[in-house]
Amino acid sequence: MSHDAPYEIHMYAAVARMGADGRYPAGEQHPLLVFLKQAPDSEHDFDAAADVALRNGWVDADFTKAGTLPADAGENHVEPFHGCYMAAVRDGDAILVYDTPVKEAPPKNKPANPEPGVH
C-alpha cells in the first residue's frame, strides 16, 4: 500500500459484553479490536466502531484507545492482525476478539470499597 492511498485503517481498542446470541456466554466481557477503513486524515469514528461491534454481537462497548495504522501496516504478515487489516481494506471493517474474558470494571465515580456506614 502506498503512502498516498485513498484510505487509511483506524484501529479501536475496547472491552465489550457479549449479547444474547454469540460465540461466548451472554454477558461475558472480552477485549476486542475494531479495524475501520476511513478517508485519509479523518477523525476517529467511534460510532462506526461501535456499530461494527454491535453487528458482531457485542454490546456496551467501552472504547479505550484509537489510532491510525501506518501506511505500511498491510505489509506486516503477523496474524491475526494481518488478516484483520486486509479484511478491513477489502470489506471496510473487521473485528478481532480476544478469547480470554475480563472482569467488569468497578462503576465510575464510586469508590471501589466504600466505608461502612457512609452512603
PDB file of N, CA and C in Angstrom:
ATOM      1  N   MET A   1       0.843  -1.176   0.000  1.00  0.00           N
ATOM      2  CA  MET A   1       0.000   0.000   0.000  1.00  0.00           C
ATOM      3  C   MET A   1       0.882   1.230   0.000  1.00  0.00           C
ATOM      4  N   SER A   2       0.589   2.177  -0.838  1.00  0.00           N
ATOM      5  CA  SER A   2       1.413   3.381  -0.888  1.00  0.00           C
ATOM      6  C   SER A   2       0.978   4.347   0.197  1.00  0.00           C
ATOM      7  N   HIS A   3       1.832   5.317   0.446  1.00  0.00           N
ATOM      8  CA  HIS A   3       1.532   6.298   1.486  1.00  0.00           C
ATOM      9  C   HIS A   3       0.471   7.296   1.048  1.00  0.00           C
ATOM     10  N   ASP A   4       0.121   7.304  -0.229  1.00  0.00           N
ATOM     11  CA  ASP A   4      -0.924   8.205  -0.708  1.00  0.00           C
ATOM     12  C   ASP A   4      -2.188   7.424  -1.083  1.00  0.00           C
ATOM     13  N   ALA A   5      -2.465   6.382  -0.339  1.00  0.00           N
ATOM     14  CA  ALA A   5      -3.650   5.557  -0.579  1.00  0.00           C
ATOM     15  C   ALA A   5      -4.911   6.392  -0.354  1.00  0.00           C
ATOM     16  N   PRO A   6      -6.005   6.018  -1.012  1.00  0.00           N
ATOM     17  CA  PRO A   6      -7.258   6.761  -0.856  1.00  0.00           C
ATOM     18  C   PRO A   6      -7.995   6.426   0.447  1.00  0.00           C
ATOM     19  N   TYR A   7      -7.338   5.746   1.355  1.00  0.00           N
ATOM     20  CA  TYR A   7      -7.950   5.378   2.629  1.00  0.00           C
ATOM     21  C   TYR A   7      -6.837   5.156   3.657  1.00  0.00           C
ATOM     22  N   GLU A   8      -7.255   5.049   4.904  1.00  0.00           N
ATOM     23  CA  GLU A   8      -6.370   4.606   5.975  1.00  0.00           C
ATOM     24  C   GLU A   8      -7.178   3.675   6.866  1.00  0.00           C
ATOM     25  N   ILE A   9      -6.467   2.847   7.614  1.00  0.00           N
ATOM     26  CA  ILE A   9      -7.132   1.910   8.517  1.00  0.00           C
ATOM     27  C   ILE A   9      -6.958   2.415   9.943  1.00  0.00           C
ATOM     28  N   HIS A  10      -8.087   2.616  10.603  1.00  0.00           N
ATOM     29  CA  HIS A  10      -8.087   3.029  12.003  1.00  0.00           C
ATOM     30  C   HIS A  10      -8.380   1.796  12.855  1.00  0.00           C
ATOM     31  N   MET A  11      -7.723   1.729  14.007  1.00  0.00           N
ATOM     32  CA  MET A  11      -7.932   0.599  14.913  1.00  0.00           C
ATOM     33  C   MET A  11      -8.424   1.135  16.254  1.00  0.00           C
ATOM     34  N   TYR A  12      -9.440   0.487  16.795  1.00  0.00           N
ATOM     35  CA  TYR A  12     -10.087   0.894  18.042  1.00  0.00           C
ATOM     36  C   TYR A  12     -10.005  -0.254  19.040  1.00  0.00           C
ATOM     37  N   ALA A  13      -9.540   0.032  20.247  1.00  0.00           N
ATOM     38  CA  ALA A  13      -9.478  -0.972  21.312  1.00  0.00           C
ATOM     39  C   ALA A  13     -10.662  -0.763  22.245  1.00  0.00           C
ATOM     40  N   ALA A  14     -11.290  -1.861  22.653  1.00  0.00           N
ATOM     41  CA  ALA A  14     -12.469  -1.774  23.516  1.00  0.00           C
ATOM     42  C   ALA A  14     -12.594  -3.029  24.366  1.00  0.00           C
ATOM     43  N   VAL A  15     -13.440  -2.915  25.365  1.00  0.00           N
ATOM     44  CA  VAL A  15     -13.940  -4.067  26.101  1.00  0.00           C
ATOM     45  C   VAL A  15     -15.445  -4.017  25.909  1.00  0.00           C
ATOM     46  N   ALA A  16     -16.032  -5.164  25.542  1.00  0.00           N
ATOM     47  CA  ALA A  16     -17.470  -5.202  25.276  1.00  0.00           C
ATOM     48  C   ALA A  16     -18.067  -6.472  25.864  1.00  0.00           C
ATOM     49  N   ARG A  17     -19.373  -6.440  25.995  1.00  0.00           N
ATOM     50  CA  ARG A  17     -20.122  -7.553  26.579  1.00  0.00           C
ATOM     51  C   ARG A  17     -20.816  -8.319  25.452  1.00  0.00           C
ATOM     52  N   MET A  18     -20.729  -9.648  25.525  1.00  0.00           N
ATOM     53  CA  MET A  18     -21.397 -10.488  24.530  1.00  0.00           C
ATOM     54  C   MET A  18     -22.894 -10.349  24.697  1.00  0.00           C
ATOM     55  N   GLY A  19     -23.589 -10.147  23.581  1.00  0.00           N
ATOM     56  CA  GLY A  19     -25.039 -10.034  23.602  1.00  0.00           C
ATOM     57  C   GLY A  19     -25.690 -11.391  23.820  1.00  0.00           C
ATOM     58  N   ALA A  20     -26.961 -11.482  23.516  1.00  0.00           N
ATOM     59  CA  ALA A  20     -27.739 -12.690  23.796  1.00  0.00           C
ATOM     60  C   ALA A  20     -27.281 -13.903  22.991  1.00  0.00           C
ATOM     61  N   ASP A  21     -27.002 -13.722  21.726  1.00  0.00           N
ATOM     62  CA  ASP A  21     -26.625 -14.843  20.873  1.00  0.00           C
ATOM     63  C   ASP A  21     -25.230 -14.613  20.320  1.00  0.00           C
ATOM     64  N   GLY A  22     -24.310 -15.468  20.716  1.00  0.00           N
ATOM     65  CA  GLY A  22     -22.961 -15.300  20.206  1.00  0.00           C
ATOM     66  C   GLY A  22     -22.073 -16.479  20.528  1.00  0.00           C
ATOM     67  N   ARG A  23     -20.847 -16.314  20.184  1.00  0.00           N
ATOM     68  CA  ARG A  23     -19.843 -17.368  20.360  1.00  0.00           C
ATOM     69  C   ARG A  23     -19.480 -17.583  21.827  1.00  0.00           C
ATOM     70  N   TYR A  24     -19.668 -16.555  22.648  1.00  0.00           N
ATOM     71  CA  TYR A  24     -19.318 -16.614  24.066  1.00  0.00           C
ATOM     72  C   TYR A  24     -20.602 -16.532  24.894  1.00  0.00           C
ATOM     73  N   PRO A  25     -20.534 -16.890  26.183  1.00  0.00           N
ATOM     74  CA  PRO A  25     -21.737 -16.779  27.028  1.00  0.00           C
ATOM     75  C   PRO A  25     -22.258 -15.340  27.084  1.00  0.00           C
ATOM     76  N   ALA A  26     -23.564 -15.191  27.046  1.00  0.00           N
ATOM     77  CA  ALA A  26     -24.186 -13.863  27.113  1.00  0.00           C
ATOM     78  C   ALA A  26     -23.715 -13.131  28.365  1.00  0.00           C
ATOM     79  N   GLY A  27     -23.351 -11.887  28.207  1.00  0.00           N
ATOM     80  CA  GLY A  27     -22.917 -11.055  29.325  1.00  0.00           C
ATOM     81  C   GLY A  27     -21.431 -11.108  29.593  1.00  0.00           C
ATOM     82  N   GLU A  28     -20.721 -12.075  29.041  1.00  0.00           N
ATOM     83  CA  GLU A  28     -19.279 -12.178  29.277  1.00  0.00           C
ATOM     84  C   GLU A  28     -18.566 -11.032  28.553  1.00  0.00           C
ATOM     85  N   GLN A  29     -17.577 -10.445  29.224  1.00  0.00           N
ATOM     86  CA  GLN A  29     -16.830  -9.317  28.662  1.00  0.00           C
ATOM     87  C   GLN A  29     -15.503  -9.788  28.074  1.00  0.00           C
ATOM     88  N   HIS A  30     -15.170  -9.232  26.900  1.00  0.00           N
ATOM     89  CA  HIS A  30     -13.925  -9.571  26.227  1.00  0.00           C
ATOM     90  C   HIS A  30     -13.294  -8.315  25.645  1.00  0.00           C
ATOM     91  N   PRO A  31     -11.960  -8.274  25.619  1.00  0.00           N
ATOM     92  CA  PRO A  31     -11.292  -7.209  24.881  1.00  0.00           C
ATOM     93  C   PRO A  31     -11.452  -7.471  23.388  1.00  0.00           C
ATOM     94  N   LEU A  32     -11.506  -6.400  22.624  1.00  0.00           N
ATOM     95  CA  LEU A  32     -11.590  -6.557  21.184  1.00  0.00           C
ATOM     96  C   LEU A  32     -10.940  -5.379  20.481  1.00  0.00           C
ATOM     97  N   LEU A  33     -10.587  -5.598  19.223  1.00  0.00           N
ATOM     98  CA  LEU A  33     -10.059  -4.555  18.350  1.00  0.00           C
ATOM     99  C   LEU A  33     -10.970  -4.461  17.143  1.00  0.00           C
ATOM    100  N   VAL A  34     -11.342  -3.233  16.789  1.00  0.00           N
ATOM    101  CA  VAL A  34     -12.135  -2.983  15.592  1.00  0.00           C
ATOM    102  C   VAL A  34     -11.237  -2.253  14.596  1.00  0.00           C
ATOM    103  N   PHE A  35     -11.218  -2.739  13.368  1.00  0.00           N
ATOM    104  CA  PHE A  35     -10.455  -2.126  12.284  1.00  0.00           C
ATOM    105  C   PHE A  35     -11.459  -1.492  11.324  1.00  0.00           C
ATOM    106  N   LEU A  36     -11.268  -0.202  11.000  1.00  0.00           N
ATOM    107  CA  LEU A  36     -12.181   0.505  10.097  1.00  0.00           C
ATOM    108  C   LEU A  36     -11.413   1.165   8.961  1.00  0.00           C
ATOM    109  N   LYS A  37     -11.904   1.024   7.765  1.00  0.00           N
ATOM    110  CA  LYS A  37     -11.349   1.724   6.609  1.00  0.00           C
ATOM    111  C   LYS A  37     -12.003   3.103   6.560  1.00  0.00           C
ATOM    112  N   GLN A  38     -11.180   4.151   6.607  1.00  0.00           N
ATOM    113  CA  GLN A  38     -11.703   5.513   6.647  1.00  0.00           C
ATOM    114  C   GLN A  38     -10.965   6.396   5.648  1.00  0.00           C
ATOM    115  N   ALA A  39     -11.531   7.549   5.389  1.00  0.00           N
ATOM    116  CA  ALA A  39     -10.906   8.517   4.490  1.00  0.00           C
ATOM    117  C   ALA A  39      -9.591   9.005   5.106  1.00  0.00           C
ATOM    118  N   PRO A  40      -8.606   9.342   4.267  1.00  0.00           N
ATOM    119  CA  PRO A  40      -7.331   9.843   4.786  1.00  0.00           C
ATOM    120  C   PRO A  40      -7.537  11.078   5.668  1.00  0.00           C
ATOM    121  N   ASP A  41      -6.763  11.131   6.744  1.00  0.00           N
ATOM    122  CA  ASP A  41      -6.770  12.273   7.673  1.00  0.00           C
ATOM    123  C   ASP A  41      -8.111  12.510   8.357  1.00  0.00           C
ATOM    124  N   SER A  42      -8.964  11.476   8.419  1.00  0.00           N
ATOM    125  CA  SER A  42     -10.259  11.640   9.079  1.00  0.00           C
ATOM    126  C   SER A  42     -10.114  11.415  10.584  1.00  0.00           C
ATOM    127  N   GLU A  43     -11.068  11.957  11.321  1.00  0.00           N
ATOM    128  CA  GLU A  43     -11.125  11.764  12.768  1.00  0.00           C
ATOM    129  C   GLU A  43     -11.536  10.324  13.055  1.00  0.00           C
ATOM    130  N   HIS A  44     -11.195   9.847  14.232  1.00  0.00           N
ATOM    131  CA  HIS A  44     -11.633   8.511  14.629  1.00  0.00           C
ATOM    132  C   HIS A  44     -13.159   8.508  14.755  1.00  0.00           C
ATOM    133  N   ASP A  45     -13.787   7.497  14.204  1.00  0.00           N
ATOM    134  CA  ASP A  45     -15.247   7.396  14.175  1.00  0.00           C
ATOM    135  C   ASP A  45     -15.693   6.312  15.164  1.00  0.00           C
ATOM    136  N   PHE A  46     -15.824   6.705  16.430  1.00  0.00           N
ATOM    137  CA  PHE A  46     -16.186   5.759  17.481  1.00  0.00           C
ATOM    138  C   PHE A  46     -17.602   5.204  17.273  1.00  0.00           C
ATOM    139  N   ASP A  47     -18.493   5.992  16.690  1.00  0.00           N
ATOM    140  CA  ASP A  47     -19.851   5.500  16.430  1.00  0.00           C
ATOM    141  C   ASP A  47     -19.814   4.353  15.420  1.00  0.00           C
ATOM    142  N   ALA A  48     -19.025   4.503  14.368  1.00  0.00           N
ATOM    143  CA  ALA A  48     -18.914   3.434  13.369  1.00  0.00           C
ATOM    144  C   ALA A  48     -18.272   2.198  13.987  1.00  0.00           C
ATOM    145  N   ALA A  49     -17.264   2.392  14.840  1.00  0.00           N
ATOM    146  CA  ALA A  49     -16.616   1.260  15.513  1.00  0.00           C
ATOM    147  C   ALA A  49     -17.623   0.540  16.414  1.00  0.00           C
ATOM    148  N   ALA A  50     -18.456   1.297  17.122  1.00  0.00           N
ATOM    149  CA  ALA A  50     -19.482   0.690  17.977  1.00  0.00           C
ATOM    150  C   ALA A  50     -20.499  -0.083  17.134  1.00  0.00           C
ATOM    151  N   ASP A  51     -20.820   0.430  15.954  1.00  0.00           N
ATOM    152  CA  ASP A  51     -21.740  -0.273  15.056  1.00  0.00           C
ATOM    153  C   ASP A  51     -21.152  -1.609  14.612  1.00  0.00           C
ATOM    154  N   VAL A  52     -19.852  -1.645  14.314  1.00  0.00           N
ATOM    155  CA  VAL A  52     -19.195  -2.892  13.920  1.00  0.00           C
ATOM    156  C   VAL A  52     -19.279  -3.895  15.068  1.00  0.00           C
ATOM    157  N   ALA A  53     -18.984  -3.434  16.281  1.00  0.00           N
ATOM    158  CA  ALA A  53     -19.055  -4.315  17.448  1.00  0.00           C
ATOM    159  C   ALA A  53     -20.483  -4.857  17.607  1.00  0.00           C
ATOM    160  N   LEU A  54     -21.460  -3.988  17.513  1.00  0.00           N
ATOM    161  CA  LEU A  54     -22.862  -4.390  17.675  1.00  0.00           C
ATOM    162  C   LEU A  54     -23.289  -5.390  16.594  1.00  0.00           C
ATOM    163  N   ARG A  55     -22.894  -5.154  15.356  1.00  0.00           N
ATOM    164  CA  ARG A  55     -23.217  -6.082  14.256  1.00  0.00           C
ATOM    165  C   ARG A  55     -22.632  -7.462  14.508  1.00  0.00           C
ATOM    166  N   ASN A  56     -21.553  -7.510  15.288  1.00  0.00           N
ATOM    167  CA  ASN A  56     -20.896  -8.781  15.591  1.00  0.00           C
ATOM    168  C   ASN A  56     -21.325  -9.363  16.932  1.00  0.00           C
ATOM    169  N   GLY A  57     -22.402  -8.813  17.514  1.00  0.00           N
ATOM    170  CA  GLY A  57     -22.975  -9.376  18.727  1.00  0.00           C
ATOM    171  C   GLY A  57     -22.468  -8.786  20.036  1.00  0.00           C
ATOM    172  N   TRP A  58     -21.678  -7.704  19.970  1.00  0.00           N
ATOM    173  CA  TRP A  58     -21.088  -7.117  21.173  1.00  0.00           C
ATOM    174  C   TRP A  58     -21.837  -5.860  21.563  1.00  0.00           C
ATOM    175  N   VAL A  59     -22.210  -5.768  22.835  1.00  0.00           N
ATOM    176  CA  VAL A  59     -22.945  -4.616  23.358  1.00  0.00           C
ATOM    177  C   VAL A  59     -22.118  -3.930  24.437  1.00  0.00           C
ATOM    178  N   ASP A  60     -22.518  -2.732  24.791  1.00  0.00           N
ATOM    179  CA  ASP A  60     -21.869  -1.959  25.854  1.00  0.00           C
ATOM    180  C   ASP A  60     -20.358  -1.824  25.617  1.00  0.00           C
ATOM    181  N   ALA A  61     -19.972  -1.574  24.380  1.00  0.00           N
ATOM    182  CA  ALA A  61     -18.547  -1.429  24.067  1.00  0.00           C
ATOM    183  C   ALA A  61     -17.994  -0.178  24.742  1.00  0.00           C
ATOM    184  N   ASP A  62     -16.909  -0.356  25.473  1.00  0.00           N
ATOM    185  CA  ASP A  62     -16.208   0.744  26.143  1.00  0.00           C
ATOM    186  C   ASP A  62     -14.866   0.916  25.434  1.00  0.00           C
ATOM    187  N   PHE A  63     -14.784   1.906  24.559  1.00  0.00           N
ATOM    188  CA  PHE A  63     -13.568   2.136  23.791  1.00  0.00           C
ATOM    189  C   PHE A  63     -12.544   2.876  24.636  1.00  0.00           C
ATOM    190  N   THR A  64     -11.330   2.332  24.663  1.00  0.00           N
ATOM    191  CA  THR A  64     -10.273   2.897  25.494  1.00  0.00           C
ATOM    192  C   THR A  64      -9.198   3.609  24.690  1.00  0.00           C
ATOM    193  N   LYS A  65      -9.011   3.203  23.427  1.00  0.00           N
ATOM    194  CA  LYS A  65      -7.969   3.801  22.592  1.00  0.00           C
ATOM    195  C   LYS A  65      -8.380   3.725  21.133  1.00  0.00           C
ATOM    196  N   ALA A  66      -7.793   4.616  20.342  1.00  0.00           N
ATOM    197  CA  ALA A  66      -7.948   4.557  18.891  1.00  0.00           C
ATOM    198  C   ALA A  66      -6.673   5.094  18.269  1.00  0.00           C
ATOM    199  N   GLY A  67      -6.355   4.570  17.115  1.00  0.00           N
ATOM    200  CA  GLY A  67      -5.177   5.045  16.412  1.00  0.00           C
ATOM    201  C   GLY A  67      -5.295   4.757  14.928  1.00  0.00           C
ATOM    202  N   THR A  68      -4.465   5.438  14.162  1.00  0.00           N
ATOM    203  CA  THR A  68      -4.404   5.224  12.729  1.00  0.00           C
ATOM    204  C   THR A  68      -3.179   4.372  12.444  1.00  0.00           C
ATOM    205  N   LEU A  69      -3.382   3.266  11.768  1.00  0.00           N
ATOM    206  CA  LEU A  69      -2.268   2.375  11.474  1.00  0.00           C
ATOM    207  C   LEU A  69      -1.386   2.981  10.395  1.00  0.00           C
ATOM    208  N   PRO A  70      -0.088   2.724  10.455  1.00  0.00           N
ATOM    209  CA  PRO A  70       0.808   3.271   9.432  1.00  0.00           C
ATOM    210  C   PRO A  70       0.490   2.689   8.058  1.00  0.00           C
ATOM    211  N   ALA A  71       0.837   3.424   7.028  1.00  0.00           N
ATOM    212  CA  ALA A  71       0.525   3.038   5.658  1.00  0.00           C
ATOM    213  C   ALA A  71       1.117   1.682   5.280  1.00  0.00           C
ATOM    214  N   ASP A  72       2.217   1.292   5.907  1.00  0.00           N
ATOM    215  CA  ASP A  72       2.840   0.006   5.561  1.00  0.00           C
ATOM    216  C   ASP A  72       2.374  -1.139   6.460  1.00  0.00           C
ATOM    217  N   ALA A  73       1.341  -0.914   7.256  1.00  0.00           N
ATOM    218  CA  ALA A  73       0.863  -1.954   8.178  1.00  0.00           C
ATOM    219  C   ALA A  73       0.386  -3.202   7.439  1.00  0.00           C
ATOM    220  N   GLY A  74      -0.101  -3.060   6.227  1.00  0.00           N
ATOM    221  CA  GLY A  74      -0.556  -4.210   5.452  1.00  0.00           C
ATOM    222  C   GLY A  74       0.568  -5.130   5.034  1.00  0.00           C
ATOM    223  N   GLU A  75       1.800  -4.647   5.125  1.00  0.00           N
ATOM    224  CA  GLU A  75       2.954  -5.464   4.761  1.00  0.00           C
ATOM    225  C   GLU A  75       3.416  -6.344   5.914  1.00  0.00           C
ATOM    226  N   ASN A  76       2.912  -6.082   7.113  1.00  0.00           N
ATOM    227  CA  ASN A  76       3.242  -6.888   8.282  1.00  0.00           C
ATOM    228  C   ASN A  76       2.366  -8.135   8.242  1.00  0.00           C
ATOM    229  N   HIS A  77       2.989  -9.293   8.160  1.00  0.00           N
ATOM    230  CA  HIS A  77       2.221 -10.532   7.994  1.00  0.00           C
ATOM    231  C   HIS A  77       2.032 -11.310   9.296  1.00  0.00           C
ATOM    232  N   VAL A  78       2.046 -10.636  10.419  1.00  0.00           N
ATOM    233  CA  VAL A  78       1.812 -11.291  11.702  1.00  0.00           C
ATOM    234  C   VAL A  78       0.304 -11.470  11.875  1.00  0.00           C
ATOM    235  N   GLU A  79      -0.104 -12.705  12.054  1.00  0.00           N
ATOM    236  CA  GLU A  79      -1.526 -12.983  12.260  1.00  0.00           C
ATOM    237  C   GLU A  79      -1.852 -12.909  13.746  1.00  0.00           C
ATOM    238  N   PRO A  80      -3.039 -12.552  14.103  1.00  0.00           N
ATOM    239  CA  PRO A  80      -4.230 -12.353  13.279  1.00  0.00           C
ATOM    240  C   PRO A  80      -4.387 -10.926  12.761  1.00  0.00           C
ATOM    241  N   PHE A  81      -3.432 -10.046  13.107  1.00  0.00           N
ATOM    242  CA  PHE A  81      -3.561  -8.635  12.733  1.00  0.00           C
ATOM    243  C   PHE A  81      -3.568  -8.427  11.223  1.00  0.00           C
ATOM    244  N   HIS A  82      -2.716  -9.159  10.506  1.00  0.00           N
ATOM    245  CA  HIS A  82      -2.653  -9.003   9.057  1.00  0.00           C
ATOM    246  C   HIS A  82      -3.996  -9.343   8.420  1.00  0.00           C
ATOM    247  N   GLY A  83      -4.591 -10.447   8.843  1.00  0.00           N
ATOM    248  CA  GLY A  83      -5.885 -10.839   8.291  1.00  0.00           C
ATOM    249  C   GLY A  83      -6.964  -9.801   8.564  1.00  0.00           C
ATOM    250  N   CYS A  84      -6.967  -9.237   9.764  1.00  0.00           N
ATOM    251  CA  CYS A  84      -7.956  -8.205  10.108  1.00  0.00           C
ATOM    252  C   CYS A  84      -7.717  -6.935   9.296  1.00  0.00           C
ATOM    253  N   TYR A  85      -6.461  -6.564   9.166  1.00  0.00           N
ATOM    254  CA  TYR A  85      -6.116  -5.379   8.385  1.00  0.00           C
ATOM    255  C   TYR A  85      -6.601  -5.556   6.945  1.00  0.00           C
ATOM    256  N   MET A  86      -6.275  -6.706   6.345  1.00  0.00           N
ATOM    257  CA  MET A  86      -6.640  -6.952   4.956  1.00  0.00           C
ATOM    258  C   MET A  86      -8.157  -7.064   4.791  1.00  0.00           C
ATOM    259  N   ALA A  87      -8.845  -7.625   5.769  1.00  0.00           N
ATOM    260  CA  ALA A  87     -10.313  -7.694   5.713  1.00  0.00           C
ATOM    261  C   ALA A  87     -10.909  -6.287   5.754  1.00  0.00           C
ATOM    262  N   ALA A  88     -10.332  -5.401   6.565  1.00  0.00           N
ATOM    263  CA  ALA A  88     -10.818  -4.018   6.633  1.00  0.00           C
ATOM    264  C   ALA A  88     -10.580  -3.300   5.304  1.00  0.00           C
ATOM    265  N   VAL A  89      -9.430  -3.552   4.684  1.00  0.00           N
ATOM    266  CA  VAL A  89      -9.156  -2.955   3.369  1.00  0.00           C
ATOM    267  C   VAL A  89     -10.192  -3.456   2.359  1.00  0.00           C
ATOM    268  N   ARG A  90     -10.465  -4.742   2.370  1.00  0.00           N
ATOM    269  CA  ARG A  90     -11.366  -5.369   1.399  1.00  0.00           C
ATOM    270  C   ARG A  90     -12.840  -5.053   1.693  1.00  0.00           C
ATOM    271  N   ASP A  91     -13.237  -5.200   2.978  1.00  0.00           N
ATOM    272  CA  ASP A  91     -14.658  -5.140   3.336  1.00  0.00           C
ATOM    273  C   ASP A  91     -15.083  -3.857   4.037  1.00  0.00           C
ATOM    274  N   GLY A  92     -14.124  -3.048   4.455  1.00  0.00           N
ATOM    275  CA  GLY A  92     -14.440  -1.799   5.149  1.00  0.00           C
ATOM    276  C   GLY A  92     -14.300  -1.874   6.655  1.00  0.00           C
ATOM    277  N   ASP A  93     -14.356  -3.095   7.215  1.00  0.00           N
ATOM    278  CA  ASP A  93     -14.171  -3.247   8.657  1.00  0.00           C
ATOM    279  C   ASP A  93     -13.837  -4.688   8.989  1.00  0.00           C
ATOM    280  N   ALA A  94     -13.327  -4.874  10.193  1.00  0.00           N
ATOM    281  CA  ALA A  94     -13.030  -6.205  10.724  1.00  0.00           C
ATOM    282  C   ALA A  94     -12.985  -6.092  12.237  1.00  0.00           C
ATOM    283  N   ILE A  95     -13.128  -7.226  12.903  1.00  0.00           N
ATOM    284  CA  ILE A  95     -13.085  -7.239  14.368  1.00  0.00           C
ATOM    285  C   ILE A  95     -12.247  -8.424  14.828  1.00  0.00           C
ATOM    286  N   LEU A  96     -11.458  -8.180  15.851  1.00  0.00           N
ATOM    287  CA  LEU A  96     -10.640  -9.219  16.474  1.00  0.00           C
ATOM    288  C   LEU A  96     -11.047  -9.284  17.934  1.00  0.00           C
ATOM    289  N   VAL A  97     -11.522 -10.446  18.373  1.00  0.00           N
ATOM    290  CA  VAL A  97     -11.970 -10.636  19.753  1.00  0.00           C
ATOM    291  C   VAL A  97     -10.977 -11.552  20.453  1.00  0.00           C
ATOM    292  N   TYR A  98     -10.530 -11.147  21.623  1.00  0.00           N
ATOM    293  CA  TYR A  98      -9.638 -11.973  22.425  1.00  0.00           C
ATOM    294  C   TYR A  98     -10.475 -12.973  23.212  1.00  0.00           C
ATOM    295  N   ASP A  99     -10.054 -14.238  23.196  1.00  0.00           N
ATOM    296  CA  ASP A  99     -10.831 -15.319  23.804  1.00  0.00           C
ATOM    297  C   ASP A  99     -10.949 -15.226  25.326  1.00  0.00           C
ATOM    298  N   THR A 100      -9.943 -14.686  25.993  1.00  0.00           N
ATOM    299  CA  THR A 100      -9.954 -14.651  27.456  1.00  0.00           C
ATOM    300  C   THR A 100     -10.858 -13.534  27.964  1.00  0.00           C
ATOM    301  N   PRO A 101     -11.903 -13.886  28.726  1.00  0.00           N
ATOM    302  CA  PRO A 101     -12.797 -12.848  29.258  1.00  0.00           C
ATOM    303  C   PRO A 101     -12.101 -12.010  30.318  1.00  0.00           C
ATOM    304  N   VAL A 102     -12.626 -10.820  30.534  1.00  0.00           N
ATOM    305  CA  VAL A 102     -12.112  -9.922  31.562  1.00  0.00           C
ATOM    306  C   VAL A 102     -13.225  -9.613  32.542  1.00  0.00           C
ATOM    307  N   LYS A 103     -12.827  -9.276  33.758  1.00  0.00           N
ATOM    308  CA  LYS A 103     -13.809  -8.923  34.783  1.00  0.00           C
ATOM    309  C   LYS A 103     -14.330  -7.519  34.534  1.00  0.00           C
ATOM    310  N   GLU A 104     -15.533  -7.298  34.975  1.00  0.00           N
ATOM    311  CA  GLU A 104     -16.148  -5.987  34.832  1.00  0.00           C
ATOM    312  C   GLU A 104     -15.429  -4.978  35.714  1.00  0.00           C
ATOM    313  N   ALA A 105     -15.199  -3.791  35.183  1.00  0.00           N
ATOM    314  CA  ALA A 105     -14.560  -2.719  35.947  1.00  0.00           C
ATOM    315  C   ALA A 105     -15.549  -2.192  36.978  1.00  0.00           C
ATOM    316  N   PRO A 106     -15.044  -1.687  38.114  1.00  0.00           N
ATOM    317  CA  PRO A 106     -15.962  -1.097  39.098  1.00  0.00           C
ATOM    318  C   PRO A 106     -16.645   0.128  38.501  1.00  0.00           C
ATOM    319  N   PRO A 107     -17.850   0.446  38.959  1.00  0.00           N
ATOM    320  CA  PRO A 107     -18.565   1.609  38.424  1.00  0.00           C
ATOM    321  C   PRO A 107     -17.732   2.881  38.582  1.00  0.00           C
ATOM    322  N   LYS A 108     -17.816   3.751  37.591  1.00  0.00           N
ATOM    323  CA  LYS A 108     -17.083   5.017  37.641  1.00  0.00           C
ATOM    324  C   LYS A 108     -17.738   5.951  38.645  1.00  0.00           C
ATOM    325  N   ASN A 109     -16.942   6.820  39.243  1.00  0.00           N
ATOM    326  CA  ASN A 109     -17.388   7.825  40.204  1.00  0.00           C
ATOM    327  C   ASN A 109     -17.905   7.233  41.507  1.00  0.00           C
ATOM    328  N   LYS A 110     -17.603   5.981  41.768  1.00  0.00           N
ATOM    329  CA  LYS A 110     -17.974   5.355  43.038  1.00  0.00           C
ATOM    330  C   LYS A 110     -16.745   4.691  43.595  1.00  0.00           C
ATOM    331  N   PRO A 111     -16.526   4.783  44.907  1.00  0.00           N
ATOM    332  CA  PRO A 111     -15.359   4.130  45.467  1.00  0.00           C
ATOM    333  C   PRO A 111     -15.464   2.612  45.320  1.00  0.00           C
ATOM    334  N   ALA A 112     -14.332   1.979  45.081  1.00  0.00           N
ATOM    335  CA  ALA A 112     -14.308   0.512  44.913  1.00  0.00           C
ATOM    336  C   ALA A 112     -14.659  -0.199  46.211  1.00  0.00           C
ATOM    337  N   ASN A 113     -14.232   0.353  47.346  1.00  0.00           N
ATOM    338  CA  ASN A 113     -14.516  -0.231  48.661  1.00  0.00           C
ATOM    339  C   ASN A 113     -15.096   0.849  49.564  1.00  0.00           C
ATOM    340  N   PRO A 114     -16.379   1.093  49.487  1.00  0.00           N
ATOM    341  CA  PRO A 114     -16.952   2.161  50.315  1.00  0.00           C
ATOM    342  C   PRO A 114     -16.822   1.840  51.792  1.00  0.00           C
ATOM    343  N   GLU A 115     -16.672   2.915  52.568  1.00  0.00           N
ATOM    344  CA  GLU A 115     -16.546   2.750  54.018  1.00  0.00           C
ATOM    345  C   GLU A 115     -17.894   2.364  54.608  1.00  0.00           C
ATOM    346  N   PRO A 116     -17.915   1.481  55.604  1.00  0.00           N
ATOM    347  CA  PRO A 116     -19.187   1.121  56.238  1.00  0.00           C
ATOM    348  C   PRO A 116     -19.861   2.341  56.832  1.00  0.00           C
ATOM    349  N   GLY A 117     -21.161   2.413  56.654  1.00  0.00           N
ATOM    350  CA  GLY A 117     -21.932   3.498  57.245  1.00  0.00           C
ATOM    351  C   GLY A 117     -21.936   4.769  56.427  1.00  0.00           C
ATOM    352  N   VAL A 118     -21.162   4.852  55.354  1.00  0.00           N
ATOM    353  CA  VAL A 118     -21.133   6.044  54.517  1.00  0.00           C
ATOM    354  C   VAL A 118     -22.030   5.785  53.313  1.00  0.00           C
ATOM    355  N   HIS A 119     -22.960   6.701  53.040  1.00  0.00           N
ATOM    356  CA  HIS A 119     -23.905   6.495  51.928  1.00  0.00           C
ATOM    357  C   HIS A 119     -23.751   7.568  50.922  1.00  0.00           C
TER     358      HIS A 119
END
